N, C-alpha and C. Protein backbone atom coordinates (compact mmCIF):
# COMPACT_ATOMS: atom_id res chain seq x y z
N MET A 1 38.26 -21.86 -20.88
CA MET A 1 37.00 -21.46 -21.50
C MET A 1 37.02 -21.86 -22.97
N ASN A 2 35.90 -22.38 -23.42
CA ASN A 2 35.76 -22.84 -24.79
C ASN A 2 35.02 -21.77 -25.60
N GLU A 3 35.63 -21.31 -26.73
CA GLU A 3 35.02 -20.28 -27.57
C GLU A 3 34.45 -20.92 -28.84
N THR A 4 33.19 -20.60 -29.15
CA THR A 4 32.50 -21.18 -30.30
C THR A 4 31.84 -20.07 -31.11
N PRO A 5 31.94 -20.07 -32.45
CA PRO A 5 31.20 -19.10 -33.25
C PRO A 5 29.69 -19.26 -33.02
N LEU A 6 28.96 -18.15 -33.08
CA LEU A 6 27.52 -18.18 -32.81
C LEU A 6 26.79 -19.17 -33.71
N ASP A 7 27.13 -19.21 -35.00
CA ASP A 7 26.41 -20.11 -35.90
C ASP A 7 26.57 -21.58 -35.51
N LYS A 8 27.75 -21.97 -35.06
CA LYS A 8 27.97 -23.35 -34.61
C LYS A 8 27.23 -23.61 -33.29
N PHE A 9 27.26 -22.62 -32.39
CA PHE A 9 26.56 -22.73 -31.11
C PHE A 9 25.07 -22.97 -31.34
N VAL A 10 24.49 -22.19 -32.28
CA VAL A 10 23.06 -22.33 -32.60
C VAL A 10 22.79 -23.68 -33.27
N ALA A 11 23.70 -24.12 -34.15
CA ALA A 11 23.52 -25.42 -34.81
C ALA A 11 23.53 -26.55 -33.78
N ASP A 12 24.37 -26.42 -32.75
CA ASP A 12 24.46 -27.46 -31.72
C ASP A 12 23.29 -27.42 -30.74
N LYS A 13 22.86 -26.22 -30.33
CA LYS A 13 21.86 -26.08 -29.27
C LYS A 13 20.45 -25.84 -29.77
N GLY A 14 20.32 -25.32 -30.99
CA GLY A 14 19.02 -24.87 -31.49
C GLY A 14 18.84 -23.40 -31.16
N GLN A 15 18.06 -22.71 -31.99
CA GLN A 15 17.92 -21.26 -31.84
C GLN A 15 17.26 -20.86 -30.52
N SER A 16 16.20 -21.54 -30.13
CA SER A 16 15.50 -21.18 -28.89
C SER A 16 16.36 -21.42 -27.66
N GLU A 17 17.04 -22.57 -27.63
CA GLU A 17 17.90 -22.89 -26.48
C GLU A 17 19.11 -21.96 -26.43
N ALA A 18 19.69 -21.64 -27.58
CA ALA A 18 20.82 -20.70 -27.62
C ALA A 18 20.39 -19.34 -27.08
N ALA A 19 19.21 -18.88 -27.49
CA ALA A 19 18.69 -17.60 -27.01
C ALA A 19 18.50 -17.64 -25.49
N ARG A 20 17.93 -18.72 -24.99
CA ARG A 20 17.71 -18.84 -23.54
C ARG A 20 19.04 -18.83 -22.79
N LEU A 21 20.02 -19.58 -23.28
CA LEU A 21 21.32 -19.66 -22.60
C LEU A 21 22.07 -18.33 -22.61
N LEU A 22 21.86 -17.52 -23.66
CA LEU A 22 22.53 -16.23 -23.76
C LEU A 22 21.68 -15.08 -23.21
N ARG A 23 20.47 -15.41 -22.74
CA ARG A 23 19.55 -14.43 -22.17
C ARG A 23 19.18 -13.32 -23.16
N VAL A 24 18.88 -13.74 -24.39
CA VAL A 24 18.37 -12.85 -25.43
C VAL A 24 17.16 -13.53 -26.05
N THR A 25 16.51 -12.86 -26.99
CA THR A 25 15.36 -13.45 -27.66
C THR A 25 15.80 -14.26 -28.88
N ALA A 26 14.97 -15.20 -29.30
CA ALA A 26 15.25 -15.96 -30.52
C ALA A 26 15.34 -15.05 -31.74
N PRO A 27 14.48 -14.01 -31.87
CA PRO A 27 14.65 -13.09 -33.00
C PRO A 27 16.00 -12.36 -32.99
N ALA A 28 16.55 -12.08 -31.81
CA ALA A 28 17.87 -11.44 -31.73
C ALA A 28 18.95 -12.37 -32.28
N ILE A 29 18.83 -13.66 -31.98
CA ILE A 29 19.77 -14.65 -32.52
C ILE A 29 19.64 -14.70 -34.04
N TYR A 30 18.41 -14.77 -34.53
CA TYR A 30 18.16 -14.81 -35.97
C TYR A 30 18.76 -13.58 -36.67
N LYS A 31 18.54 -12.41 -36.10
CA LYS A 31 19.04 -11.18 -36.70
C LYS A 31 20.57 -11.16 -36.74
N ALA A 32 21.21 -11.60 -35.66
CA ALA A 32 22.68 -11.64 -35.61
C ALA A 32 23.23 -12.61 -36.66
N LEU A 33 22.58 -13.76 -36.81
CA LEU A 33 23.02 -14.73 -37.81
C LEU A 33 22.80 -14.21 -39.23
N SER A 34 21.66 -13.57 -39.47
CA SER A 34 21.35 -13.03 -40.79
C SER A 34 22.32 -11.94 -41.20
N ALA A 35 22.76 -11.14 -40.23
CA ALA A 35 23.70 -10.05 -40.49
C ALA A 35 25.14 -10.53 -40.55
N LYS A 36 25.35 -11.83 -40.30
CA LYS A 36 26.68 -12.43 -40.31
C LYS A 36 27.65 -11.71 -39.37
N ARG A 37 27.12 -11.35 -38.19
CA ARG A 37 27.96 -10.70 -37.18
C ARG A 37 28.94 -11.70 -36.61
N ASP A 38 30.16 -11.25 -36.31
CA ASP A 38 31.22 -12.12 -35.79
C ASP A 38 31.09 -12.21 -34.27
N ILE A 39 30.20 -13.10 -33.84
CA ILE A 39 29.91 -13.26 -32.41
C ILE A 39 30.45 -14.61 -31.96
N ARG A 40 31.19 -14.59 -30.86
CA ARG A 40 31.77 -15.80 -30.29
C ARG A 40 31.13 -16.07 -28.94
N VAL A 41 30.81 -17.31 -28.67
CA VAL A 41 30.18 -17.71 -27.42
C VAL A 41 31.21 -18.42 -26.56
N LEU A 42 31.33 -17.97 -25.32
CA LEU A 42 32.25 -18.58 -24.36
C LEU A 42 31.47 -19.36 -23.32
N GLU A 43 31.91 -20.57 -23.05
CA GLU A 43 31.35 -21.33 -21.94
C GLU A 43 32.23 -21.05 -20.73
N LEU A 44 31.64 -20.48 -19.70
CA LEU A 44 32.36 -20.11 -18.49
C LEU A 44 32.53 -21.32 -17.57
N PRO A 45 33.49 -21.26 -16.65
CA PRO A 45 33.75 -22.39 -15.75
C PRO A 45 32.52 -22.86 -14.97
N ASP A 46 31.59 -21.95 -14.68
CA ASP A 46 30.40 -22.34 -13.91
C ASP A 46 29.29 -22.93 -14.78
N GLY A 47 29.56 -23.10 -16.09
CA GLY A 47 28.58 -23.71 -17.00
C GLY A 47 27.67 -22.72 -17.69
N THR A 48 27.78 -21.43 -17.38
CA THR A 48 26.97 -20.42 -18.06
C THR A 48 27.69 -20.00 -19.34
N PHE A 49 27.00 -19.20 -20.14
CA PHE A 49 27.54 -18.78 -21.43
C PHE A 49 27.56 -17.26 -21.53
N LYS A 50 28.55 -16.76 -22.26
CA LYS A 50 28.70 -15.32 -22.50
C LYS A 50 29.06 -15.15 -23.96
N ALA A 51 28.48 -14.14 -24.63
CA ALA A 51 28.77 -13.90 -26.04
C ALA A 51 29.48 -12.56 -26.19
N ASN A 52 30.48 -12.54 -27.08
CA ASN A 52 31.23 -11.33 -27.40
C ASN A 52 31.25 -11.15 -28.90
N GLU A 53 31.13 -9.89 -29.35
CA GLU A 53 31.19 -9.60 -30.77
C GLU A 53 32.54 -8.98 -31.10
N LEU A 54 33.17 -9.48 -32.16
CA LEU A 54 34.42 -8.91 -32.64
C LEU A 54 34.09 -7.96 -33.78
N ARG A 55 34.52 -6.69 -33.63
CA ARG A 55 34.26 -5.69 -34.65
C ARG A 55 35.52 -4.87 -34.87
N PRO A 56 35.68 -4.35 -36.08
CA PRO A 56 36.83 -3.49 -36.33
C PRO A 56 36.72 -2.18 -35.55
N PHE A 57 37.85 -1.58 -35.27
CA PHE A 57 37.87 -0.30 -34.57
C PHE A 57 38.47 0.73 -35.49
N PRO A 58 37.90 1.89 -35.66
CA PRO A 58 36.61 2.31 -35.11
C PRO A 58 35.48 1.63 -35.85
N SER A 59 34.39 1.42 -35.17
CA SER A 59 33.26 0.69 -35.73
C SER A 59 32.23 1.68 -36.27
N GLN A 60 32.34 1.99 -37.56
CA GLN A 60 31.38 2.87 -38.21
C GLN A 60 30.88 2.19 -39.47
N LYS A 61 29.65 2.48 -39.83
CA LYS A 61 29.13 1.98 -41.09
C LYS A 61 29.86 2.68 -42.23
N ILE A 62 30.09 1.96 -43.32
CA ILE A 62 30.72 2.56 -44.49
C ILE A 62 29.79 3.63 -45.03
N GLY A 63 30.35 4.78 -45.37
CA GLY A 63 29.55 5.86 -45.91
C GLY A 63 29.04 6.81 -44.84
N CYS A 64 29.43 6.62 -43.58
CA CYS A 64 28.99 7.50 -42.50
C CYS A 64 30.13 8.40 -42.07
N LEU A 65 29.80 9.64 -41.84
CA LEU A 65 30.75 10.59 -41.29
C LEU A 65 30.24 11.03 -39.93
N ALA A 66 31.06 10.91 -38.90
CA ALA A 66 30.63 11.29 -37.55
C ALA A 66 31.15 12.68 -37.23
N PHE A 67 30.28 13.54 -36.77
CA PHE A 67 30.64 14.87 -36.30
C PHE A 67 30.31 14.93 -34.82
N SER A 68 30.83 15.93 -34.13
CA SER A 68 30.58 16.04 -32.70
C SER A 68 29.10 16.30 -32.40
N TRP A 69 28.36 16.85 -33.33
CA TRP A 69 26.97 17.20 -33.07
C TRP A 69 25.97 16.41 -33.90
N GLU A 70 26.43 15.63 -34.89
CA GLU A 70 25.51 14.83 -35.69
C GLU A 70 26.26 13.74 -36.44
N THR A 71 25.53 12.77 -36.93
CA THR A 71 26.09 11.74 -37.79
C THR A 71 25.36 11.79 -39.13
N VAL A 72 26.11 11.84 -40.21
CA VAL A 72 25.54 11.90 -41.54
C VAL A 72 25.93 10.63 -42.28
N CYS A 73 24.94 9.90 -42.80
CA CYS A 73 25.20 8.66 -43.53
C CYS A 73 24.65 8.78 -44.94
N SER A 74 25.44 8.33 -45.90
CA SER A 74 24.94 8.30 -47.27
C SER A 74 24.09 7.06 -47.47
N ALA A 75 23.11 7.16 -48.34
CA ALA A 75 22.18 6.05 -48.55
C ALA A 75 22.74 5.01 -49.47
């Protein structure tokens, strides 16, 4: 399987085609690129594509405290 960063995948295929191949909308692709999310696209043996996001664990926004009954985030 070949792994490609989302930005290179979009540069090669175009935003609309990348969205179609990943079964998402073009605005979702735009938003992921704008947020600089670490998304990798895999080409599967059958020729389809799958995307995975790499995120730190635990994945919380900076300035957020998680409680069992609520989440409080500083502005």
